[in-house]
């Protein structure tokens, strides 16, 4: 799943694209350490951002934000059977329906500082 999402993210960001490594559950921390803007409030979605969450089995799931407007986002992700899914979820339901942890925005911090929004970053 992460290969497809990483490829989609790389199409939207400046070269060299994804410059962090590691398991998906560490992407928020690893991306932040490389200067990418991290947001952990559901309403801070941005088109092109990677969204990180967990599914019912507590496995990490990733997607890419395709639309963010009003009170909802559209997430492109892959099912466990590798089928493309588009999910429309209201911000207030992201934690329940996607196991929301945070976003990796498709841009790096202008000042080079590691950034994160107010909500404490906790990975399960």
PDB file of N, CA and C in Angstrom:
ATOM      1  N   UNK A   1       0.819  -1.193   0.000  1.00  0.00           N
ATOM      2  CA  UNK A   1       0.000   0.000   0.000  1.00  0.00           C
ATOM      3  C   UNK A   1       0.858   1.250   0.000  1.00  0.00           C
ATOM      4  N   UNK A   2       1.895   1.275   0.803  1.00  0.00           N
ATOM      5  CA  UNK A   2       2.690   2.491   0.926  1.00  0.00           C
ATOM      6  C   UNK A   2       3.415   2.848  -0.365  1.00  0.00           C
ATOM      7  N   UNK A   3       3.766   1.858  -1.186  1.00  0.00           N
ATOM      8  CA  UNK A   3       4.449   2.146  -2.440  1.00  0.00           C
ATOM      9  C   UNK A   3       3.599   2.981  -3.375  1.00  0.00           C
ATOM     10  N   UNK A   4       2.328   2.644  -3.503  1.00  0.00           N
ATOM     11  CA  UNK A   4       1.420   3.397  -4.363  1.00  0.00           C
ATOM     12  C   UNK A   4       1.236   4.815  -3.823  1.00  0.00           C
ATOM     13  N   UNK A   5       0.985   4.943  -2.538  1.00  0.00           N
ATOM     14  CA  UNK A   5       0.766   6.261  -1.928  1.00  0.00           C
ATOM     15  C   UNK A   5       2.033   7.098  -2.035  1.00  0.00           C
ATOM     16  N   UNK A   6       3.183   6.507  -1.784  1.00  0.00           N
ATOM     17  CA  UNK A   6       4.456   7.231  -1.912  1.00  0.00           C
ATOM     18  C   UNK A   6       4.642   7.731  -3.338  1.00  0.00           C
ATOM     19  N   UNK A   7       4.318   6.904  -4.318  1.00  0.00           N
ATOM     20  CA  UNK A   7       4.439   7.309  -5.714  1.00  0.00           C
ATOM     21  C   UNK A   7       3.516   8.462  -6.064  1.00  0.00           C
ATOM     22  N   UNK A   8       2.288   8.438  -5.541  1.00  0.00           N
ATOM     23  CA  UNK A   8       1.344   9.525  -5.780  1.00  0.00           C
ATOM     24  C   UNK A   8       1.823  10.822  -5.123  1.00  0.00           C
ATOM     25  N   UNK A   9       2.352  10.722  -3.922  1.00  0.00           N
ATOM     26  CA  UNK A   9       2.881  11.885  -3.197  1.00  0.00           C
ATOM     27  C   UNK A   9       4.062  12.476  -3.969  1.00  0.00           C
ATOM     28  N   UNK A  10       4.945  11.602  -4.449  1.00  0.00           N
ATOM     29  CA  UNK A  10       6.132  12.063  -5.182  1.00  0.00           C
ATOM     30  C   UNK A  10       5.775  12.829  -6.453  1.00  0.00           C
ATOM     31  N   UNK A  11       4.630  12.532  -7.054  1.00  0.00           N
ATOM     32  CA  UNK A  11       4.189  13.259  -8.248  1.00  0.00           C
ATOM     33  C   UNK A  11       3.845  14.721  -7.941  1.00  0.00           C
ATOM     34  N   UNK A  12       3.553  15.000  -6.679  1.00  0.00           N
ATOM     35  CA  UNK A  12       3.050  16.317  -6.285  1.00  0.00           C
ATOM     36  C   UNK A  12       4.074  17.215  -5.604  1.00  0.00           C
ATOM     37  N   UNK A  13       5.188  16.649  -5.209  1.00  0.00           N
ATOM     38  CA  UNK A  13       6.148  17.405  -4.402  1.00  0.00           C
ATOM     39  C   UNK A  13       7.442  17.642  -5.176  1.00  0.00           C
ATOM     40  N   UNK A  14       8.214  18.639  -4.733  1.00  0.00           N
ATOM     41  CA  UNK A  14       9.501  18.899  -5.396  1.00  0.00           C
ATOM     42  C   UNK A  14      10.475  17.726  -5.232  1.00  0.00           C
ATOM     43  N   UNK A  15      11.380  17.605  -6.172  1.00  0.00           N
ATOM     44  CA  UNK A  15      12.433  16.594  -6.087  1.00  0.00           C
ATOM     45  C   UNK A  15      13.255  16.855  -4.832  1.00  0.00           C
ATOM     46  N   UNK A  16      13.707  15.873  -4.136  1.00  0.00           N
ATOM     47  CA  UNK A  16      13.756  14.469  -4.520  1.00  0.00           C
ATOM     48  C   UNK A  16      12.513  13.677  -4.103  1.00  0.00           C
ATOM     49  N   UNK A  17      11.468  14.330  -3.670  1.00  0.00           N
ATOM     50  CA  UNK A  17      10.274  13.616  -3.216  1.00  0.00           C
ATOM     51  C   UNK A  17      10.480  13.072  -1.819  1.00  0.00           C
ATOM     52  N   UNK A  18       9.908  11.923  -1.584  1.00  0.00           N
ATOM     53  CA  UNK A  18      10.026  11.326  -0.248  1.00  0.00           C
ATOM     54  C   UNK A  18      11.493  11.068   0.056  1.00  0.00           C
ATOM     55  N   UNK A  19      11.951  11.660   1.149  1.00  0.00           N
ATOM     56  CA  UNK A  19      13.349  11.508   1.542  1.00  0.00           C
ATOM     57  C   UNK A  19      13.472  10.944   2.959  1.00  0.00           C
ATOM     58  N   UNK A  20      12.431  10.245   3.377  1.00  0.00           N
ATOM     59  CA  UNK A  20      12.481   9.547   4.654  1.00  0.00           C
ATOM     60  C   UNK A  20      12.307   8.055   4.377  1.00  0.00           C
ATOM     61  N   UNK A  21      12.649   7.252   5.371  1.00  0.00           N
ATOM     62  CA  UNK A  21      12.561   5.798   5.242  1.00  0.00           C
ATOM     63  C   UNK A  21      11.818   5.231   6.429  1.00  0.00           C
ATOM     64  N   UNK A  22      11.617   3.951   6.406  1.00  0.00           N
ATOM     65  CA  UNK A  22      11.045   3.263   7.556  1.00  0.00           C
ATOM     66  C   UNK A  22       9.626   2.795   7.332  1.00  0.00           C
ATOM     67  N   UNK A  23       9.165   2.038   8.295  1.00  0.00           N
ATOM     68  CA  UNK A  23       7.821   1.502   8.312  1.00  0.00           C
ATOM     69  C   UNK A  23       6.793   2.633   8.325  1.00  0.00           C
ATOM     70  N   UNK A  24       5.621   2.386   7.741  1.00  0.00           N
ATOM     71  CA  UNK A  24       4.570   3.400   7.666  1.00  0.00           C
ATOM     72  C   UNK A  24       4.224   3.987   9.034  1.00  0.00           C
ATOM     73  N   UNK A  25       4.280   3.176  10.095  1.00  0.00           N
ATOM     74  CA  UNK A  25       3.895   3.679  11.409  1.00  0.00           C
ATOM     75  C   UNK A  25       4.863   4.751  11.915  1.00  0.00           C
ATOM     76  N   UNK A  26       6.031   4.867  11.296  1.00  0.00           N
ATOM     77  CA  UNK A  26       7.008   5.886  11.689  1.00  0.00           C
ATOM     78  C   UNK A  26       7.091   7.043  10.693  1.00  0.00           C
ATOM     79  N   UNK A  27       6.252   7.030   9.653  1.00  0.00           N
ATOM     80  CA  UNK A  27       6.344   8.055   8.616  1.00  0.00           C
ATOM     81  C   UNK A  27       6.161   9.469   9.156  1.00  0.00           C
ATOM     82  N   UNK A  28       5.234   9.689  10.065  1.00  0.00           N
ATOM     83  CA  UNK A  28       5.037  11.056  10.577  1.00  0.00           C
ATOM     84  C   UNK A  28       6.313  11.576  11.237  1.00  0.00           C
ATOM     85  N   UNK A  29       6.892  10.782  12.094  1.00  0.00           N
ATOM     86  CA  UNK A  29       8.119  11.189  12.791  1.00  0.00           C
ATOM     87  C   UNK A  29       9.286  11.319  11.815  1.00  0.00           C
ATOM     88  N   UNK A  30       9.445  10.335  10.936  1.00  0.00           N
ATOM     89  CA  UNK A  30      10.576  10.349  10.004  1.00  0.00           C
ATOM     90  C   UNK A  30      10.468  11.493   9.007  1.00  0.00           C
ATOM     91  N   UNK A  31       9.252  11.771   8.526  1.00  0.00           N
ATOM     92  CA  UNK A  31       9.058  12.893   7.598  1.00  0.00           C
ATOM     93  C   UNK A  31       9.321  14.225   8.311  1.00  0.00           C
ATOM     94  N   UNK A  32       8.834  14.354   9.536  1.00  0.00           N
ATOM     95  CA  UNK A  32       9.082  15.572  10.311  1.00  0.00           C
ATOM     96  C   UNK A  32      10.582  15.796  10.475  1.00  0.00           C
ATOM     97  N   UNK A  33      11.317  14.727  10.733  1.00  0.00           N
ATOM     98  CA  UNK A  33      12.766  14.841  10.917  1.00  0.00           C
ATOM     99  C   UNK A  33      13.480  15.292   9.641  1.00  0.00           C
ATOM    100  N   UNK A  34      12.833  15.116   8.486  1.00  0.00           N
ATOM    101  CA  UNK A  34      13.393  15.572   7.210  1.00  0.00           C
ATOM    102  C   UNK A  34      12.864  16.949   6.814  1.00  0.00           C
ATOM    103  N   UNK A  35      12.080  17.585   7.699  1.00  0.00           N
ATOM    104  CA  UNK A  35      11.617  18.946   7.439  1.00  0.00           C
ATOM    105  C   UNK A  35      10.240  19.068   6.814  1.00  0.00           C
ATOM    106  N   UNK A  36       9.527  17.954   6.600  1.00  0.00           N
ATOM    107  CA  UNK A  36       8.179  18.010   6.039  1.00  0.00           C
ATOM    108  C   UNK A  36       7.210  18.542   7.090  1.00  0.00           C
ATOM    109  N   UNK A  37       6.194  19.258   6.649  1.00  0.00           N
ATOM    110  CA  UNK A  37       5.190  19.807   7.563  1.00  0.00           C
ATOM    111  C   UNK A  37       4.230  18.693   7.962  1.00  0.00           C
ATOM    112  N   UNK A  38       4.084  18.522   9.267  1.00  0.00           N
ATOM    113  CA  UNK A  38       3.206  17.498   9.840  1.00  0.00           C
ATOM    114  C   UNK A  38       2.057  18.207  10.547  1.00  0.00           C
ATOM    115  N   UNK A  39       0.868  17.712  10.324  1.00  0.00           N
ATOM    116  CA  UNK A  39      -0.322  18.244  10.990  1.00  0.00           C
ATOM    117  C   UNK A  39      -1.055  17.088  11.654  1.00  0.00           C
ATOM    118  N   UNK A  40      -1.495  17.294  12.886  1.00  0.00           N
ATOM    119  CA  UNK A  40      -2.181  16.228  13.614  1.00  0.00           C
ATOM    120  C   UNK A  40      -3.600  16.617  14.028  1.00  0.00           C
ATOM    121  N   UNK A  41      -4.110  17.681  13.464  1.00  0.00           N
ATOM    122  CA  UNK A  41      -5.506  18.055  13.683  1.00  0.00           C
ATOM    123  C   UNK A  41      -6.273  17.678  12.415  1.00  0.00           C
ATOM    124  N   UNK A  42      -7.357  16.925  12.527  1.00  0.00           N
ATOM    125  CA  UNK A  42      -8.087  16.466  11.340  1.00  0.00           C
ATOM    126  C   UNK A  42      -8.469  17.574  10.362  1.00  0.00           C
ATOM    127  N   UNK A  43      -8.844  18.727  10.864  1.00  0.00           N
ATOM    128  CA  UNK A  43      -9.292  19.822   9.993  1.00  0.00           C
ATOM    129  C   UNK A  43      -8.150  20.503   9.237  1.00  0.00           C
ATOM    130  N   UNK A  44      -6.900  20.103   9.469  1.00  0.00           N
ATOM    131  CA  UNK A  44      -5.751  20.683   8.779  1.00  0.00           C
ATOM    132  C   UNK A  44      -5.351  19.889   7.534  1.00  0.00           C
ATOM    133  N   UNK A  45      -6.327  19.246   6.919  1.00  0.00           N
ATOM    134  CA  UNK A  45      -6.063  18.478   5.699  1.00  0.00           C
ATOM    135  C   UNK A  45      -5.662  19.417   4.572  1.00  0.00           C
ATOM    136  N   UNK A  46      -4.878  18.892   3.657  1.00  0.00           N
ATOM    137  CA  UNK A  46      -4.454  19.636   2.469  1.00  0.00           C
ATOM    138  C   UNK A  46      -4.399  18.654   1.305  1.00  0.00           C
ATOM    139  N   UNK A  47      -4.906  19.072   0.155  1.00  0.00           N
ATOM    140  CA  UNK A  47      -4.870  18.211  -1.022  1.00  0.00           C
ATOM    141  C   UNK A  47      -3.413  17.818  -1.303  1.00  0.00           C
ATOM    142  N   UNK A  48      -3.216  16.532  -1.525  1.00  0.00           N
ATOM    143  CA  UNK A  48      -1.876  16.013  -1.797  1.00  0.00           C
ATOM    144  C   UNK A  48      -1.156  15.490  -0.573  1.00  0.00           C
ATOM    145  N   UNK A  49      -1.693  15.763   0.618  1.00  0.00           N
ATOM    146  CA  UNK A  49      -1.055  15.285   1.847  1.00  0.00           C
ATOM    147  C   UNK A  49      -1.245  13.781   1.995  1.00  0.00           C
ATOM    148  N   UNK A  50      -0.263  13.159   2.616  1.00  0.00           N
ATOM    149  CA  UNK A  50      -0.410  11.763   3.025  1.00  0.00           C
ATOM    150  C   UNK A  50      -1.139  11.774   4.357  1.00  0.00           C
ATOM    151  N   UNK A  51      -2.122  10.902   4.498  1.00  0.00           N
ATOM    152  CA  UNK A  51      -2.816  10.722   5.773  1.00  0.00           C
ATOM    153  C   UNK A  51      -2.389   9.379   6.343  1.00  0.00           C
ATOM    154  N   UNK A  52      -2.106   9.374   7.637  1.00  0.00           N
ATOM    155  CA  UNK A  52      -1.687   8.159   8.334  1.00  0.00           C
ATOM    156  C   UNK A  52      -2.743   7.849   9.385  1.00  0.00           C
ATOM    157  N   UNK A  53      -3.130   6.596   9.464  1.00  0.00           N
ATOM    158  CA  UNK A  53      -4.094   6.156  10.466  1.00  0.00           C
ATOM    159  C   UNK A  53      -3.871   4.687  10.770  1.00  0.00           C
ATOM    160  N   UNK A  54      -4.859   4.091  11.438  1.00  0.00           N
ATOM    161  CA  UNK A  54      -4.790   2.657  11.715  1.00  0.00           C
ATOM    162  C   UNK A  54      -6.152   2.041  11.448  1.00  0.00           C
ATOM    163  N   UNK A  55      -6.135   0.797  11.001  1.00  0.00           N
ATOM    164  CA  UNK A  55      -7.398   0.117  10.726  1.00  0.00           C
ATOM    165  C   UNK A  55      -7.879  -0.621  11.974  1.00  0.00           C
ATOM    166  N   UNK A  56      -8.946  -1.382  11.829  1.00  0.00           N
ATOM    167  CA  UNK A  56      -9.545  -2.092  12.967  1.00  0.00           C
ATOM    168  C   UNK A  56      -8.591  -3.060  13.640  1.00  0.00           C
ATOM    169  N   UNK A  57      -7.646  -3.586  12.890  1.00  0.00           N
ATOM    170  CA  UNK A  57      -6.689  -4.534  13.467  1.00  0.00           C
ATOM    171  C   UNK A  57      -5.453  -3.831  14.030  1.00  0.00           C
ATOM    172  N   UNK A  58      -5.499  -2.499  14.070  1.00  0.00           N
ATOM    173  CA  UNK A  58      -4.411  -1.656  14.598  1.00  0.00           C
ATOM    174  C   UNK A  58      -3.204  -1.621  13.664  1.00  0.00           C
ATOM    175  N   UNK A  59      -3.373  -2.081  12.436  1.00  0.00           N
ATOM    176  CA  UNK A  59      -2.315  -1.962  11.439  1.00  0.00           C
ATOM    177  C   UNK A  59      -2.328  -0.550  10.878  1.00  0.00           C
ATOM    178  N   UNK A  60      -1.160  -0.040  10.543  1.00  0.00           N
ATOM    179  CA  UNK A  60      -1.073   1.305   9.978  1.00  0.00           C
ATOM    180  C   UNK A  60      -1.670   1.316   8.588  1.00  0.00           C
ATOM    181  N   UNK A  61      -2.462   2.356   8.297  1.00  0.00           N
ATOM    182  CA  UNK A  61      -2.981   2.541   6.948  1.00  0.00           C
ATOM    183  C   UNK A  61      -2.601   3.938   6.479  1.00  0.00           C
ATOM    184  N   UNK A  62      -2.381   4.052   5.183  1.00  0.00           N
ATOM    185  CA  UNK A  62      -2.005   5.337   4.596  1.00  0.00           C
ATOM    186  C   UNK A  62      -2.897   5.638   3.404  1.00  0.00           C
ATOM    187  N   UNK A  63      -3.013   6.907   3.108  1.00  0.00           N
ATOM    188  CA  UNK A  63      -3.782   7.349   1.960  1.00  0.00           C
ATOM    189  C   UNK A  63      -3.260   8.702   1.520  1.00  0.00           C
ATOM    190  N   UNK A  64      -3.865   9.231   0.479  1.00  0.00           N
ATOM    191  CA  UNK A  64      -3.500  10.564   0.014  1.00  0.00           C
ATOM    192  C   UNK A  64      -4.783  11.378  -0.089  1.00  0.00           C
ATOM    193  N   UNK A  65      -4.722  12.619   0.354  1.00  0.00           N
ATOM    194  CA  UNK A  65      -5.891  13.489   0.325  1.00  0.00           C
ATOM    195  C   UNK A  65      -6.101  13.985  -1.103  1.00  0.00           C
ATOM    196  N   UNK A  66      -7.261  13.687  -1.653  1.00  0.00           N
ATOM    197  CA  UNK A  66      -7.602  14.121  -3.003  1.00  0.00           C
ATOM    198  C   UNK A  66      -8.525  15.335  -3.004  1.00  0.00           C
ATOM    199  N   UNK A  67      -9.239  15.550  -1.906  1.00  0.00           N
ATOM    200  CA  UNK A  67     -10.134  16.702  -1.798  1.00  0.00           C
ATOM    201  C   UNK A  67     -10.258  17.049  -0.322  1.00  0.00           C
ATOM    202  N   UNK A  68     -10.233  18.333  -0.026  1.00  0.00           N
ATOM    203  CA  UNK A  68     -10.413  18.815   1.349  1.00  0.00           C
ATOM    204  C   UNK A  68     -11.230  20.101   1.257  1.00  0.00           C
ATOM    205  N   UNK A  69     -12.479  20.006   1.629  1.00  0.00           N
ATOM    206  CA  UNK A  69     -13.321  21.201   1.559  1.00  0.00           C
ATOM    207  C   UNK A  69     -14.488  21.054   2.518  1.00  0.00           C
ATOM    208  N   UNK A  70     -15.044  22.194   2.897  1.00  0.00           N
ATOM    209  CA  UNK A  70     -16.158  22.152   3.831  1.00  0.00           C
ATOM    210  C   UNK A  70     -15.766  21.412   5.091  1.00  0.00           C
ATOM    211  N   UNK A  71     -16.516  20.375   5.392  1.00  0.00           N
ATOM    212  CA  UNK A  71     -16.250  19.628   6.626  1.00  0.00           C
ATOM    213  C   UNK A  71     -15.802  18.185   6.364  1.00  0.00           C
ATOM    214  N   UNK A  72     -15.270  17.926   5.146  1.00  0.00           N
ATOM    215  CA  UNK A  72     -14.878  16.554   4.848  1.00  0.00           C
ATOM    216  C   UNK A  72     -13.629  16.501   3.963  1.00  0.00           C
ATOM    217  N   UNK A  73     -13.062  15.299   3.915  1.00  0.00           N
ATOM    218  CA  UNK A  73     -11.939  15.008   3.013  1.00  0.00           C
ATOM    219  C   UNK A  73     -12.295  13.795   2.165  1.00  0.00           C
ATOM    220  N   UNK A  74     -11.660  13.718   1.005  1.00  0.00           N
ATOM    221  CA  UNK A  74     -11.721  12.510   0.181  1.00  0.00           C
ATOM    222  C   UNK A  74     -10.322  11.916   0.189  1.00  0.00           C
ATOM    223  N   UNK A  75     -10.239  10.673   0.625  1.00  0.00           N
ATOM    224  CA  UNK A  75      -8.971   9.967   0.775  1.00  0.00           C
ATOM    225  C   UNK A  75      -8.885   8.867  -0.283  1.00  0.00           C
ATOM    226  N   UNK A  76      -7.767   8.839  -1.007  1.00  0.00           N
ATOM    227  CA  UNK A  76      -7.493   7.730  -1.909  1.00  0.00           C
ATOM    228  C   UNK A  76      -6.580   6.770  -1.170  1.00  0.00           C
ATOM    229  N   UNK A  77      -6.971   5.525  -1.109  1.00  0.00           N
ATOM    230  CA  UNK A  77      -6.187   4.517  -0.414  1.00  0.00           C
ATOM    231  C   UNK A  77      -6.399   3.179  -1.116  1.00  0.00           C
ATOM    232  N   UNK A  78      -5.751   2.163  -0.626  1.00  0.00           N
ATOM    233  CA  UNK A  78      -5.904   0.825  -1.189  1.00  0.00           C
ATOM    234  C   UNK A  78      -6.505  -0.097  -0.144  1.00  0.00           C
ATOM    235  N   UNK A  79      -7.379  -0.982  -0.602  1.00  0.00           N
ATOM    236  CA  UNK A  79      -7.940  -1.989   0.296  1.00  0.00           C
ATOM    237  C   UNK A  79      -6.874  -3.048   0.575  1.00  0.00           C
ATOM    238  N   UNK A  80      -7.171  -3.940   1.489  1.00  0.00           N
ATOM    239  CA  UNK A  80      -6.234  -5.032   1.776  1.00  0.00           C
ATOM    240  C   UNK A  80      -6.005  -5.912   0.555  1.00  0.00           C
ATOM    241  N   UNK A  81      -6.977  -5.898  -0.373  1.00  0.00           N
ATOM    242  CA  UNK A  81      -6.846  -6.659  -1.621  1.00  0.00           C
ATOM    243  C   UNK A  81      -6.238  -5.813  -2.736  1.00  0.00           C
ATOM    244  N   UNK A  82      -5.676  -4.661  -2.365  1.00  0.00           N
ATOM    245  CA  UNK A  82      -4.989  -3.757  -3.296  1.00  0.00           C
ATOM    246  C   UNK A  82      -5.916  -3.132  -4.332  1.00  0.00           C
ATOM    247  N   UNK A  83      -7.180  -2.962  -3.979  1.00  0.00           N
ATOM    248  CA  UNK A  83      -8.140  -2.262  -4.840  1.00  0.00           C
ATOM    249  C   UNK A  83      -8.171  -0.802  -4.431  1.00  0.00           C
ATOM    250  N   UNK A  84      -8.204   0.080  -5.415  1.00  0.00           N
ATOM    251  CA  UNK A  84      -8.249   1.508  -5.161  1.00  0.00           C
ATOM    252  C   UNK A  84      -9.585   1.888  -4.527  1.00  0.00           C
ATOM    253  N   UNK A  85      -9.521   2.654  -3.445  1.00  0.00           N
ATOM    254  CA  UNK A  85     -10.718   3.117  -2.741  1.00  0.00           C
ATOM    255  C   UNK A  85     -10.692   4.632  -2.631  1.00  0.00           C
ATOM    256  N   UNK A  86     -11.842   5.261  -2.770  1.00  0.00           N
ATOM    257  CA  UNK A  86     -12.005   6.676  -2.462  1.00  0.00           C
ATOM    258  C   UNK A  86     -12.984   6.756  -1.298  1.00  0.00           C
ATOM    259  N   UNK A  87     -12.519   7.309  -0.191  1.00  0.00           N
ATOM    260  CA  UNK A  87     -13.334   7.425   1.011  1.00  0.00           C
ATOM    261  C   UNK A  87     -13.639   8.892   1.278  1.00  0.00           C
ATOM    262  N   UNK A  88     -14.892   9.216   1.477  1.00  0.00           N
ATOM    263  CA  UNK A  88     -15.296  10.570   1.855  1.00  0.00           C
ATOM    264  C   UNK A  88     -15.664  10.529   3.329  1.00  0.00           C
ATOM    265  N   UNK A  89     -14.898  11.267   4.145  1.00  0.00           N
ATOM    266  CA  UNK A  89     -15.078  11.209   5.593  1.00  0.00           C
ATOM    267  C   UNK A  89     -15.089  12.627   6.159  1.00  0.00           C
ATOM    268  N   UNK A  90     -16.050  12.903   7.025  1.00  0.00           N
ATOM    269  CA  UNK A  90     -16.077  14.197   7.704  1.00  0.00           C
ATOM    270  C   UNK A  90     -14.908  14.271   8.683  1.00  0.00           C
ATOM    271  N   UNK A  91     -14.362  15.490   8.844  1.00  0.00           N
ATOM    272  CA  UNK A  91     -13.228  15.672   9.757  1.00  0.00           C
ATOM    273  C   UNK A  91     -13.523  15.091  11.131  1.00  0.00           C
ATOM    274  N   UNK A  92     -14.728  15.351  11.635  1.00  0.00           N
ATOM    275  CA  UNK A  92     -15.073  14.911  12.993  1.00  0.00           C
ATOM    276  C   UNK A  92     -15.082  13.391  13.134  1.00  0.00           C
ATOM    277  N   UNK A  93     -15.121  12.664  12.013  1.00  0.00           N
ATOM    278  CA  UNK A  93     -15.160  11.199  12.042  1.00  0.00           C
ATOM    279  C   UNK A  93     -13.852  10.533  11.621  1.00  0.00           C
ATOM    280  N   UNK A  94     -12.819  11.329  11.358  1.00  0.00           N
ATOM    281  CA  UNK A  94     -11.564  10.734  10.874  1.00  0.00           C
ATOM    282  C   UNK A  94     -10.922   9.779  11.880  1.00  0.00           C
ATOM    283  N   UNK A  95     -10.980  10.121  13.162  1.00  0.00           N
ATOM    284  CA  UNK A  95     -10.361   9.231  14.147  1.00  0.00           C
ATOM    285  C   UNK A  95     -11.108   7.907  14.216  1.00  0.00           C
ATOM    286  N   UNK A  96     -12.417   7.970  14.157  1.00  0.00           N
ATOM    287  CA  UNK A  96     -13.229   6.755  14.244  1.00  0.00           C
ATOM    288  C   UNK A  96     -13.162   5.917  12.964  1.00  0.00           C
ATOM    289  N   UNK A  97     -13.242   6.558  11.807  1.00  0.00           N
ATOM    290  CA  UNK A  97     -13.369   5.830  10.544  1.00  0.00           C
ATOM    291  C   UNK A  97     -12.035   5.539   9.851  1.00  0.00           C
ATOM    292  N   UNK A  98     -10.973   6.283  10.171  1.00  0.00           N
ATOM    293  CA  UNK A  98      -9.668   6.042   9.543  1.00  0.00           C
ATOM    294  C   UNK A  98      -8.572   5.820  10.578  1.00  0.00           C
ATOM    295  N   UNK A  99      -8.900   5.915  11.864  1.00  0.00           N
ATOM    296  CA  UNK A  99      -7.881   5.769  12.899  1.00  0.00           C
ATOM    297  C   UNK A  99      -6.838   6.861  12.819  1.00  0.00           C
ATOM    298  N   UNK A 100      -7.274   8.075  12.476  1.00  0.00           N
ATOM    299  CA  UNK A 100      -6.410   9.213  12.148  1.00  0.00           C
ATOM    300  C   UNK A 100      -5.305   9.467  13.168  1.00  0.00           C
ATOM    301  N   UNK A 101      -4.057   9.571  12.651  1.00  0.00           N
ATOM    302  CA  UNK A 101      -2.899  10.020  13.429  1.00  0.00           C
ATOM    303  C   UNK A 101      -2.442  11.398  12.966  1.00  0.00           C
ATOM    304  N   UNK A 102      -2.355  11.587  11.647  1.00  0.00           N
ATOM    305  CA  UNK A 102      -1.873  12.880  11.167  1.00  0.00           C
ATOM    306  C   UNK A 102      -1.668  12.905   9.664  1.00  0.00           C
ATOM    307  N   UNK A 103      -1.228  14.092   9.196  1.00  0.00           N
ATOM    308  CA  UNK A 103      -0.957  14.331   7.778  1.00  0.00           C
ATOM    309  C   UNK A 103       0.505  14.686   7.579  1.00  0.00           C
ATOM    310  N   UNK A 104       1.052  14.292   6.447  1.00  0.00           N
ATOM    311  CA  UNK A 104       2.325  14.809   5.966  1.00  0.00           C
ATOM    312  C   UNK A 104       1.965  15.701   4.791  1.00  0.00           C
ATOM    313  N   UNK A 105       2.080  17.001   4.987  1.00  0.00           N
ATOM    314  CA  UNK A 105       1.741  17.935   3.916  1.00  0.00           C
ATOM    315  C   UNK A 105       2.729  17.789   2.767  1.00  0.00           C
ATOM    316  N   UNK A 106       2.308  18.123   1.550  1.00  0.00           N
ATOM    317  CA  UNK A 106       3.192  17.999   0.392  1.00  0.00           C
ATOM    318  C   UNK A 106       4.132  19.204   0.252  1.00  0.00           C
ATOM    319  N   UNK A 107       4.703  19.605   1.376  1.00  0.00           N
ATOM    320  CA  UNK A 107       5.656  20.721   1.366  1.00  0.00           C
ATOM    321  C   UNK A 107       6.525  20.650   2.612  1.00  0.00           C
ATOM    322  N   UNK A 108       7.703  21.196   2.461  1.00  0.00           N
ATOM    323  CA  UNK A 108       8.613  21.260   3.599  1.00  0.00           C
ATOM    324  C   UNK A 108       8.468  22.593   4.290  1.00  0.00           C
ATOM    325  N   UNK A 109       8.899  22.626   5.535  1.00  0.00           N
ATOM    326  CA  UNK A 109       8.860  23.849   6.323  1.00  0.00           C
ATOM    327  C   UNK A 109       9.777  24.891   5.692  1.00  0.00           C
ATOM    328  N   UNK A 110       9.278  26.111   5.537  1.00  0.00           N
ATOM    329  CA  UNK A 110      10.066  27.189   4.924  1.00  0.00           C
ATOM    330  C   UNK A 110      11.288  27.552   5.754  1.00  0.00           C
ATOM    331  N   UNK A 111      11.146  27.489   7.069  1.00  0.00           N
ATOM    332  CA  UNK A 111      12.255  27.895   7.930  1.00  0.00           C
ATOM    333  C   UNK A 111      13.176  26.729   8.293  1.00  0.00           C
ATOM    334  N   UNK A 112      12.870  25.557   7.739  1.00  0.00           N
ATOM    335  CA  UNK A 112      13.721  24.404   7.993  1.00  0.00           C
ATOM    336  C   UNK A 112      13.509  23.769   9.350  1.00  0.00           C
ATOM    337  N   UNK A 113      12.587  24.328  10.149  1.00  0.00           N
ATOM    338  CA  UNK A 113      12.323  23.760  11.464  1.00  0.00           C
ATOM    339  C   UNK A 113      11.315  22.632  11.340  1.00  0.00           C
ATOM    340  N   UNK A 114      11.411  21.708  12.236  1.00  0.00           N
ATOM    341  CA  UNK A 114      10.458  20.619  12.279  1.00  0.00           C
ATOM    342  C   UNK A 114       9.149  21.176  12.824  1.00  0.00           C
ATOM    343  N   UNK A 115       8.062  20.938  12.130  1.00  0.00           N
ATOM    344  CA  UNK A 115       6.792  21.508  12.566  1.00  0.00           C
ATOM    345  C   UNK A 115       5.774  20.420  12.829  1.00  0.00           C
ATOM    346  N   UNK A 116       4.918  20.712  13.757  1.00  0.00           N
ATOM    347  CA  UNK A 116       3.830  19.810  14.105  1.00  0.00           C
ATOM    348  C   UNK A 116       2.723  20.652  14.710  1.00  0.00           C
ATOM    349  N   UNK A 117       1.502  20.268  14.495  1.00  0.00           N
ATOM    350  CA  UNK A 117       0.402  21.042  15.049  1.00  0.00           C
ATOM    351  C   UNK A 117       0.197  20.707  16.524  1.00  0.00           C
ATOM    352  N   UNK A 118      -0.812  21.316  17.122  1.00  0.00           N
ATOM    353  CA  UNK A 118      -1.045  21.273  18.561  1.00  0.00           C
ATOM    354  C   UNK A 118      -1.207  19.883  19.150  1.00  0.00           C
ATOM    355  N   UNK A 119      -1.919  19.019  18.472  1.00  0.00           N
ATOM    356  CA  UNK A 119      -2.254  17.713  19.027  1.00  0.00           C
ATOM    357  C   UNK A 119      -0.994  16.876  19.181  1.00  0.00           C
ATOM    358  N   UNK A 120      -0.844  16.240  20.316  1.00  0.00           N
ATOM    359  CA  UNK A 120       0.325  15.402  20.575  1.00  0.00           C
ATOM    360  C   UNK A 120       0.360  14.234  19.598  1.00  0.00           C
ATOM    361  N   UNK A 121       1.517  13.988  19.044  1.00  0.00           N
ATOM    362  CA  UNK A 121       1.704  12.885  18.099  1.00  0.00           C
ATOM    363  C   UNK A 121       1.926  11.608  18.895  1.00  0.00           C
ATOM    364  N   UNK A 122       0.957  10.707  18.820  1.00  0.00           N
ATOM    365  CA  UNK A 122       1.054   9.426  19.516  1.00  0.00           C
ATOM    366  C   UNK A 122       0.718   8.338  18.508  1.00  0.00           C
ATOM    367  N   UNK A 123       1.630   7.425  18.316  1.00  0.00           N
ATOM    368  CA  UNK A 123       1.395   6.294  17.431  1.00  0.00           C
ATOM    369  C   UNK A 123       1.090   5.081  18.258  1.00  0.00           C
ATOM    370  N   UNK A 124       0.131   4.312  17.833  1.00  0.00           N
ATOM    371  CA  UNK A 124      -0.313   3.125  18.573  1.00  0.00           C
ATOM    372  C   UNK A 124       0.411   1.892  18.119  1.00  0.00           C
TER     373      UNK A 124
END
